[in-house]
N, C-alpha and C. Protein backbone atom coordinates (compact mmCIF):
# COMPACT_ATOMS: atom_id res chain seq x y z
N MET A 1 86.93 12.24 29.17
CA MET A 1 86.07 10.87 29.02
C MET A 1 86.91 9.79 28.65
N LYS A 2 86.43 8.55 29.65
CA LYS A 2 87.46 7.56 29.30
C LYS A 2 87.06 6.93 28.08
N ARG A 3 88.17 6.49 27.45
CA ARG A 3 88.25 5.60 26.41
C ARG A 3 87.92 4.38 26.68
N ARG A 4 86.86 3.78 25.77
CA ARG A 4 86.39 2.30 26.09
C ARG A 4 87.48 1.30 25.67
N GLU A 5 87.94 0.38 26.25
CA GLU A 5 88.97 -0.90 25.80
C GLU A 5 87.95 -1.75 24.77
N PRO A 6 88.64 -2.33 23.93
CA PRO A 6 87.97 -3.16 23.20
C PRO A 6 88.14 -4.62 24.10
N TRP A 7 87.01 -5.57 23.81
CA TRP A 7 86.90 -6.57 24.53
C TRP A 7 87.81 -7.61 24.08
N PRO A 8 88.96 -8.32 24.63
CA PRO A 8 89.69 -9.49 23.86
C PRO A 8 89.01 -10.52 23.81
N ASP A 9 89.39 -11.42 22.65
CA ASP A 9 88.70 -12.62 22.36
C ASP A 9 88.15 -13.64 23.19
N ASP A 10 89.07 -13.55 24.45
CA ASP A 10 88.94 -14.68 25.58
C ASP A 10 87.97 -14.09 26.25
N ARG A 11 87.77 -12.94 26.47
CA ARG A 11 86.65 -12.33 27.33
C ARG A 11 85.23 -12.74 26.54
N THR A 12 85.33 -12.44 25.37
CA THR A 12 84.12 -12.62 24.59
C THR A 12 83.70 -13.99 24.51
N GLU A 13 84.50 -14.83 24.09
CA GLU A 13 84.33 -16.36 24.38
C GLU A 13 83.78 -16.91 25.65
N TYR A 14 84.39 -16.34 26.81
CA TYR A 14 83.98 -16.52 28.03
C TYR A 14 82.62 -16.19 28.11
N LEU A 15 82.30 -14.93 27.78
CA LEU A 15 80.80 -14.42 28.01
C LEU A 15 80.03 -15.03 27.37
N ARG A 16 80.16 -15.61 26.09
CA ARG A 16 79.27 -16.37 25.22
C ARG A 16 78.87 -17.78 25.82
N ALA A 17 79.86 -18.52 26.42
CA ALA A 17 79.86 -19.74 27.15
C ALA A 17 78.98 -19.57 28.31
N ALA A 18 79.19 -18.29 29.13
CA ALA A 18 78.66 -18.15 30.06
C ALA A 18 77.11 -17.94 30.14
N LEU A 19 76.69 -17.27 29.25
CA LEU A 19 75.51 -17.08 28.53
C LEU A 19 74.62 -18.14 28.37
N LYS A 20 75.40 -19.15 28.06
CA LYS A 20 74.52 -20.51 27.74
C LYS A 20 74.25 -21.28 28.93
N THR A 21 74.70 -20.70 30.07
CA THR A 21 74.51 -21.39 31.52
C THR A 21 73.18 -20.77 32.17
N ASP A 22 72.73 -21.20 33.09
CA ASP A 22 71.71 -20.58 34.04
C ASP A 22 71.95 -19.77 34.94
N ALA A 23 73.23 -19.20 34.99
CA ALA A 23 73.72 -18.35 36.03
C ALA A 23 72.97 -17.21 35.57
N SER A 24 72.66 -16.11 36.55
CA SER A 24 72.53 -14.58 36.30
C SER A 24 73.22 -13.66 35.87
N LEU A 25 72.94 -12.94 35.24
CA LEU A 25 73.84 -11.98 34.56
C LEU A 25 74.98 -11.17 35.68
N HIS A 26 74.11 -10.98 36.69
CA HIS A 26 74.87 -10.50 37.94
C HIS A 26 76.06 -11.33 38.28
N ARG A 27 75.70 -12.45 38.33
CA ARG A 27 76.89 -13.74 38.56
C ARG A 27 77.80 -13.75 37.56
N ILE A 28 77.40 -13.78 36.19
CA ILE A 28 78.51 -13.93 35.49
C ILE A 28 79.41 -12.63 35.51
N ALA A 29 78.80 -11.32 35.64
CA ALA A 29 79.68 -10.34 35.58
C ALA A 29 80.70 -10.30 36.65
N ASP A 30 80.39 -10.83 37.97
CA ASP A 30 81.13 -11.19 39.10
C ASP A 30 82.26 -12.22 38.84
N ASP A 31 81.96 -13.34 38.34
CA ASP A 31 82.74 -14.33 37.92
C ASP A 31 83.86 -13.95 36.91
N MET A 32 83.44 -13.15 35.81
CA MET A 32 84.19 -12.38 34.93
C MET A 32 85.16 -11.69 35.51
N SER A 33 84.73 -10.84 36.50
CA SER A 33 85.57 -9.79 37.00
C SER A 33 86.69 -10.51 37.65
N LYS A 34 86.45 -11.50 38.64
CA LYS A 34 87.32 -12.33 39.27
C LYS A 34 88.35 -13.14 38.42
N HIS A 35 87.92 -13.72 37.55
CA HIS A 35 88.48 -14.59 36.54
C HIS A 35 89.43 -13.64 35.75
N PHE A 36 89.21 -12.62 35.31
CA PHE A 36 90.21 -11.65 34.16
C PHE A 36 90.72 -10.59 35.02
N ASP A 37 90.70 -10.38 36.38
CA ASP A 37 90.98 -9.29 37.23
C ASP A 37 90.90 -8.21 36.70
N VAL A 38 89.69 -7.98 36.22
CA VAL A 38 89.21 -6.48 35.75
C VAL A 38 87.80 -6.46 36.11
N PRO A 39 87.66 -5.05 36.27
CA PRO A 39 86.13 -4.86 37.03
C PRO A 39 85.30 -4.88 36.06
N ILE A 40 84.11 -5.63 35.76
CA ILE A 40 83.13 -6.03 34.79
C ILE A 40 81.79 -5.69 35.34
N SER A 41 81.09 -4.82 35.01
CA SER A 41 79.64 -4.55 35.54
C SER A 41 78.77 -5.23 34.61
N ARG A 42 77.39 -5.28 35.49
CA ARG A 42 76.35 -6.29 34.72
C ARG A 42 75.83 -5.27 33.60
N SER A 43 76.08 -4.09 33.39
CA SER A 43 75.61 -3.20 32.49
C SER A 43 76.73 -3.33 31.28
N ALA A 44 77.88 -3.59 31.53
CA ALA A 44 78.72 -3.61 30.42
C ALA A 44 78.58 -4.96 29.82
N LEU A 45 78.34 -6.03 30.65
CA LEU A 45 77.99 -7.16 30.01
C LEU A 45 76.83 -7.35 29.19
N ILE A 46 75.88 -6.70 29.72
CA ILE A 46 74.64 -6.40 29.01
C ILE A 46 75.00 -5.99 27.76
N GLY A 47 75.35 -4.77 27.79
CA GLY A 47 75.94 -4.18 26.40
C GLY A 47 76.61 -4.63 25.33
N LYS A 48 77.54 -5.58 25.84
CA LYS A 48 78.77 -6.15 24.99
C LYS A 48 77.41 -7.52 24.40
N ALA A 49 76.80 -8.11 25.25
CA ALA A 49 75.90 -9.27 24.75
C ALA A 49 75.15 -8.82 23.60
N HIS A 50 74.50 -7.40 23.80
CA HIS A 50 73.80 -6.87 22.76
C HIS A 50 74.28 -6.43 21.64
N ARG A 51 75.41 -6.25 21.65
CA ARG A 51 76.54 -6.05 20.49
C ARG A 51 76.89 -7.31 19.76
N LEU A 52 76.90 -8.18 20.54
CA LEU A 52 77.35 -9.63 19.86
C LEU A 52 75.91 -10.07 19.22
N GLY A 53 74.86 -9.29 19.44
CA GLY A 53 73.63 -10.20 18.87
C GLY A 53 72.73 -11.20 19.84
N GLU A 54 73.42 -11.35 20.94
CA GLU A 54 72.59 -12.54 22.11
C GLU A 54 71.30 -11.95 22.57
N ASP A 55 70.65 -13.05 22.45
CA ASP A 55 69.15 -12.50 22.88
C ASP A 55 68.79 -12.75 24.34
N LEU A 56 68.92 -11.55 25.02
CA LEU A 56 68.79 -11.73 26.50
C LEU A 56 67.35 -11.86 27.05
N LYS A 57 66.47 -11.57 26.38
CA LYS A 57 64.97 -11.43 26.98
C LYS A 57 64.56 -13.01 27.11
N MET A 58 64.80 -13.90 26.31
CA MET A 58 64.46 -15.11 26.72
C MET A 58 65.21 -16.09 27.78
N ARG A 59 66.27 -15.34 28.00
CA ARG A 59 67.07 -16.07 28.85
C ARG A 59 66.48 -16.17 30.23
N ASN A 60 66.82 -17.47 30.83
CA ASN A 60 66.42 -18.07 31.88
C ASN A 60 64.88 -17.86 32.09
N ALA A 61 63.98 -17.91 31.03
CA ALA A 61 62.53 -17.81 31.11
C ALA A 61 62.19 -19.46 31.39
N LYS A 62 61.18 -19.58 32.26
CA LYS A 62 60.70 -20.76 32.70
C LYS A 62 59.14 -20.92 32.53
N PRO A 63 58.57 -21.95 32.15
CA PRO A 63 57.34 -21.88 31.97
C PRO A 63 56.40 -22.02 33.24
N ASP A 64 55.33 -21.45 33.30
CA ASP A 64 54.61 -21.08 34.65
C ASP A 64 54.57 -22.22 35.63
N ASP A 65 54.47 -23.46 34.90
CA ASP A 65 54.43 -24.66 35.73
C ASP A 65 55.65 -25.02 36.66
N GLU A 66 56.71 -24.43 35.75
CA GLU A 66 57.93 -24.93 36.58
C GLU A 66 58.41 -23.76 37.74
N LYS A 67 57.85 -22.63 37.56
CA LYS A 67 58.20 -21.54 38.73
C LYS A 67 57.93 -21.92 40.25
N LYS A 68 58.80 -21.82 40.91
CA LYS A 68 58.66 -22.26 42.52
C LYS A 68 57.80 -21.32 43.11
N PRO A 69 56.84 -21.48 44.03
CA PRO A 69 55.99 -20.71 44.61
C PRO A 69 56.85 -19.93 45.68
N THR A 70 56.87 -18.75 45.88
CA THR A 70 57.54 -17.89 46.95
C THR A 70 56.80 -17.94 48.13
N THR A 71 57.88 -17.98 49.20
CA THR A 71 57.62 -17.84 50.53
C THR A 71 57.29 -16.62 50.82
N PRO A 72 56.37 -16.28 51.94
CA PRO A 72 55.99 -15.08 52.61
C PRO A 72 57.30 -14.72 53.44
N ARG A 73 57.03 -12.97 53.16
CA ARG A 73 58.25 -12.62 54.20
C ARG A 73 57.74 -12.46 55.52
N ARG A 74 58.70 -12.65 56.48
CA ARG A 74 58.43 -12.28 57.98
C ARG A 74 57.24 -13.18 58.50
N GLY A 75 56.73 -14.39 57.81
CA GLY A 75 55.71 -14.79 58.29
C GLY A 75 54.09 -14.49 58.12
N ARG A 76 54.42 -13.54 57.34
CA ARG A 76 53.03 -12.82 56.94
C ARG A 76 52.27 -13.80 56.08
N PRO A 77 50.94 -14.10 56.02
CA PRO A 77 50.28 -14.55 54.88
C PRO A 77 50.45 -13.70 53.68
N ARG A 78 50.67 -14.06 52.65
CA ARG A 78 50.69 -13.59 51.44
C ARG A 78 49.38 -13.57 50.56
N LYS A 79 48.99 -12.37 49.96
CA LYS A 79 47.73 -12.45 49.46
C LYS A 79 47.99 -12.73 47.91
N VAL A 80 47.08 -13.94 47.50
CA VAL A 80 47.21 -14.14 46.12
C VAL A 80 45.95 -13.66 45.32
N ALA A 81 46.46 -12.90 44.15
CA ALA A 81 45.46 -12.32 43.47
C ALA A 81 45.04 -13.38 42.74
N GLU A 82 43.58 -13.59 42.63
CA GLU A 82 42.80 -14.59 41.98
C GLU A 82 42.56 -13.97 40.57
N PRO A 83 42.43 -14.80 39.64
CA PRO A 83 42.52 -14.71 38.22
C PRO A 83 41.22 -13.83 38.18
N GLN A 84 41.24 -12.83 37.42
CA GLN A 84 39.87 -11.96 36.99
C GLN A 84 39.69 -12.47 35.82
N ALA A 85 38.22 -12.39 35.56
CA ALA A 85 37.67 -12.47 34.31
C ALA A 85 37.82 -11.24 33.53
N HIS A 86 37.67 -11.40 31.97
CA HIS A 86 37.98 -10.26 31.26
C HIS A 86 36.55 -9.25 31.57
N PRO A 87 36.72 -7.85 31.67
CA PRO A 87 35.81 -7.20 31.62
C PRO A 87 34.70 -7.34 30.40
N ALA A 88 33.55 -7.04 31.00
CA ALA A 88 32.49 -7.13 29.68
C ALA A 88 32.78 -5.97 28.73
N PRO A 89 32.65 -6.03 27.48
CA PRO A 89 32.68 -4.91 26.64
C PRO A 89 31.65 -3.94 27.04
N PRO A 90 32.08 -2.44 26.54
CA PRO A 90 31.32 -1.52 26.83
C PRO A 90 29.82 -1.58 26.04
N THR A 91 28.73 -1.42 26.77
CA THR A 91 27.28 -1.65 26.25
C THR A 91 27.39 -0.36 25.02
N PRO A 92 26.98 -0.67 23.93
CA PRO A 92 26.94 0.40 23.04
C PRO A 92 25.67 1.58 22.97
N LEU A 93 26.20 2.76 23.03
CA LEU A 93 25.19 3.44 23.17
C LEU A 93 23.91 3.44 22.16
N PRO A 94 22.66 3.92 22.68
CA PRO A 94 21.61 3.49 21.85
C PRO A 94 21.86 4.79 20.73
N PRO A 95 21.12 4.12 19.35
CA PRO A 95 21.43 5.37 18.21
C PRO A 95 20.83 6.53 18.57
N GLN A 96 21.42 7.72 18.39
CA GLN A 96 20.87 9.01 18.57
C GLN A 96 20.00 9.23 17.40
N ALA A 97 18.86 10.07 17.89
CA ALA A 97 17.72 10.38 16.53
C ALA A 97 18.19 11.66 16.22
N GLY A 98 17.81 11.89 15.01
CA GLY A 98 18.02 13.34 14.57
C GLY A 98 17.92 14.46 15.39
N PRO A 99 18.16 15.82 14.93
CA PRO A 99 17.98 16.85 15.72
C PRO A 99 16.47 17.16 15.95
N ARG A 100 16.27 17.46 17.43
CA ARG A 100 15.07 17.91 17.79
C ARG A 100 14.55 19.17 17.03
N PRO A 101 13.13 19.79 17.11
CA PRO A 101 12.81 20.86 16.48
C PRO A 101 13.65 21.91 17.41
N GLY A 102 14.16 22.95 16.67
CA GLY A 102 14.97 23.98 17.23
C GLY A 102 16.44 23.68 17.34
N GLU A 103 16.94 22.50 17.35
CA GLU A 103 18.25 21.82 17.40
C GLU A 103 18.76 22.29 16.04
N VAL A 104 20.08 22.50 15.58
CA VAL A 104 20.84 22.53 14.27
C VAL A 104 21.87 21.55 14.19
N TRP A 105 22.40 21.33 15.21
CA TRP A 105 23.59 20.16 15.18
C TRP A 105 24.71 20.56 14.26
N LEU A 106 25.52 21.26 14.91
CA LEU A 106 26.68 21.86 14.40
C LEU A 106 28.18 21.20 14.53
N THR A 107 28.82 21.46 13.72
CA THR A 107 30.61 20.75 13.98
C THR A 107 30.86 21.77 14.90
N PHE A 108 32.22 21.39 15.41
CA PHE A 108 32.99 22.21 16.11
C PHE A 108 33.20 23.45 15.68
N GLU A 109 33.73 23.51 14.53
CA GLU A 109 33.80 24.71 13.93
C GLU A 109 32.98 25.52 13.70
N GLN A 110 31.61 25.21 13.39
CA GLN A 110 30.69 26.10 13.20
C GLN A 110 30.09 26.71 14.42
N LEU A 111 30.30 26.33 15.53
CA LEU A 111 29.85 26.94 16.87
C LEU A 111 30.22 28.24 16.82
N LYS A 112 29.15 28.86 17.43
CA LYS A 112 29.44 30.34 17.99
C LYS A 112 29.35 30.67 19.19
N HIS A 113 29.49 32.05 19.77
CA HIS A 113 29.46 32.27 21.25
C HIS A 113 28.55 31.73 21.65
N ASP A 114 27.35 31.98 21.22
CA ASP A 114 26.06 31.87 21.80
C ASP A 114 25.27 30.35 21.32
N SER A 115 26.10 29.78 20.91
CA SER A 115 25.64 28.21 20.31
C SER A 115 25.55 27.09 21.66
N CYS A 116 24.51 26.36 21.65
CA CYS A 116 24.63 25.49 22.76
C CYS A 116 25.72 24.39 22.32
N ARG A 117 26.63 24.01 23.37
CA ARG A 117 27.56 23.09 23.32
C ARG A 117 27.55 21.68 23.80
N TYR A 118 26.09 21.20 23.80
CA TYR A 118 25.69 19.82 24.36
C TYR A 118 26.35 19.12 23.09
N PRO A 119 27.19 17.88 23.44
CA PRO A 119 27.84 17.14 22.43
C PRO A 119 26.72 15.75 22.12
N PHE A 120 26.76 15.36 20.78
CA PHE A 120 26.12 14.07 20.52
C PHE A 120 27.10 13.17 19.65
N GLY A 121 26.87 11.95 19.90
CA GLY A 121 27.70 11.01 19.37
C GLY A 121 28.76 10.42 20.42
N PRO A 122 28.76 8.86 20.05
CA PRO A 122 29.68 8.26 21.12
C PRO A 122 31.26 8.66 21.11
N ARG A 123 31.49 9.10 19.95
CA ARG A 123 33.09 9.36 19.93
C ARG A 123 33.47 10.47 18.89
N PRO A 124 34.59 11.09 18.67
CA PRO A 124 34.73 12.23 17.83
C PRO A 124 34.88 11.95 16.84
N PRO A 125 34.36 12.66 15.57
CA PRO A 125 34.04 14.17 15.70
C PRO A 125 32.53 14.18 16.53
N PHE A 126 32.42 14.95 17.44
CA PHE A 126 31.05 15.18 17.70
C PHE A 126 30.16 16.26 17.08
N LEU A 127 29.08 16.03 17.05
CA LEU A 127 28.10 17.16 16.89
C LEU A 127 27.39 17.92 17.78
N PHE A 128 27.19 19.13 18.10
CA PHE A 128 26.65 19.89 19.11
C PHE A 128 25.43 20.44 18.68
N CYS A 129 24.53 20.49 19.72
CA CYS A 129 23.31 21.01 19.61
C CYS A 129 23.00 22.37 18.82
N GLY A 130 23.74 23.28 19.18
CA GLY A 130 23.77 24.42 18.29
C GLY A 130 22.57 25.48 18.30
N THR A 131 21.69 25.30 19.49
CA THR A 131 20.58 26.26 19.60
C THR A 131 21.19 27.31 20.27
N ALA A 132 20.52 28.37 19.67
CA ALA A 132 20.93 29.84 20.40
C ALA A 132 20.47 29.94 21.76
N THR A 133 21.53 30.33 22.58
CA THR A 133 21.46 30.40 24.20
C THR A 133 21.64 31.72 24.60
N GLN A 134 21.08 31.90 25.75
CA GLN A 134 21.04 33.33 26.22
C GLN A 134 22.43 33.16 27.38
N GLU A 135 22.69 32.13 27.87
CA GLU A 135 23.69 32.01 28.80
C GLU A 135 24.41 30.79 28.50
N PRO A 136 25.70 30.76 27.86
CA PRO A 136 26.28 29.63 27.45
C PRO A 136 26.76 28.93 28.62
N PRO A 137 27.11 27.57 28.60
CA PRO A 137 27.50 26.81 27.44
C PRO A 137 26.25 26.04 26.94
N TYR A 138 25.15 25.90 27.53
CA TYR A 138 23.99 24.99 27.21
C TYR A 138 22.76 25.58 27.10
N CYS A 139 22.03 25.33 25.95
CA CYS A 139 20.44 25.70 26.20
C CYS A 139 19.65 25.25 27.37
N VAL A 140 18.50 25.84 27.62
CA VAL A 140 17.52 25.43 28.57
C VAL A 140 17.40 23.91 28.76
N ALA A 141 16.92 23.04 27.84
CA ALA A 141 17.07 21.83 27.93
C ALA A 141 18.15 20.96 28.34
N HIS A 142 19.43 21.34 27.64
CA HIS A 142 20.45 20.52 28.07
C HIS A 142 21.09 21.17 29.10
N ALA A 143 20.83 22.36 29.62
CA ALA A 143 21.21 22.78 31.00
C ALA A 143 20.59 22.05 32.11
N GLU A 144 19.44 21.63 32.14
CA GLU A 144 18.41 21.06 33.00
C GLU A 144 19.28 19.41 32.97
N LEU A 145 19.51 18.87 31.82
CA LEU A 145 20.14 17.49 31.83
C LEU A 145 21.55 17.55 32.55
N CYS A 146 22.38 18.67 32.30
CA CYS A 146 23.79 18.50 33.13
C CYS A 146 23.71 19.12 34.22
N TYR A 147 22.86 20.16 34.63
CA TYR A 147 23.00 20.51 35.92
C TYR A 147 21.40 20.12 36.69
N PRO A 148 21.30 19.02 37.33
CA PRO A 148 20.20 18.93 38.09
C PRO A 148 19.76 19.38 39.12
N ARG A 149 18.60 20.08 39.35
CA ARG A 149 18.50 20.76 40.52
C ARG A 149 18.49 19.86 41.75
N LEU A 150 19.28 20.38 42.70
CA LEU A 150 19.04 19.50 44.16
C LEU A 150 17.57 19.31 44.47
N ARG A 151 17.44 18.06 44.88
CA ARG A 151 16.19 17.83 45.32
C ARG A 151 15.83 17.86 46.84
N LEU A 152 14.74 18.41 47.39
CA LEU A 152 14.49 18.22 48.68
C LEU A 152 14.37 17.04 49.39
N ARG A 153 14.79 16.65 50.37
CA ARG A 153 14.49 15.41 51.27
C ARG A 153 13.52 15.31 52.04
């Protein structure tokens, strides 16, 4: 494993000064490599900048009105996405009435092998129908809801 050499003070000062310019990090790394005659990668530069406590996130950030529009490649017209409105909030589910006659409404832990597993409630923890079934997972009434018969045309 190659041992990392510490950055000399002159390189560190050069980096701090270069980060105050509008040059890209790749360009700064290339310039430093040529100036100091030592290969310096963009990644090494970023790592050193972070160790120095430099904030690279806001670097070269321009407000939207200053950004230049990009030209389409190869003469093809560019599709511009239109701003989309925020989606409407989901409509709340109607309140569920209490259990119908014959329904028990069990928690998941209370379900047995032959209990109807039709869920009630908009979000967990769900309650389940709990009616005794001959053929799981649903009782006859809920099986008709879940598996509608094919209609003849």
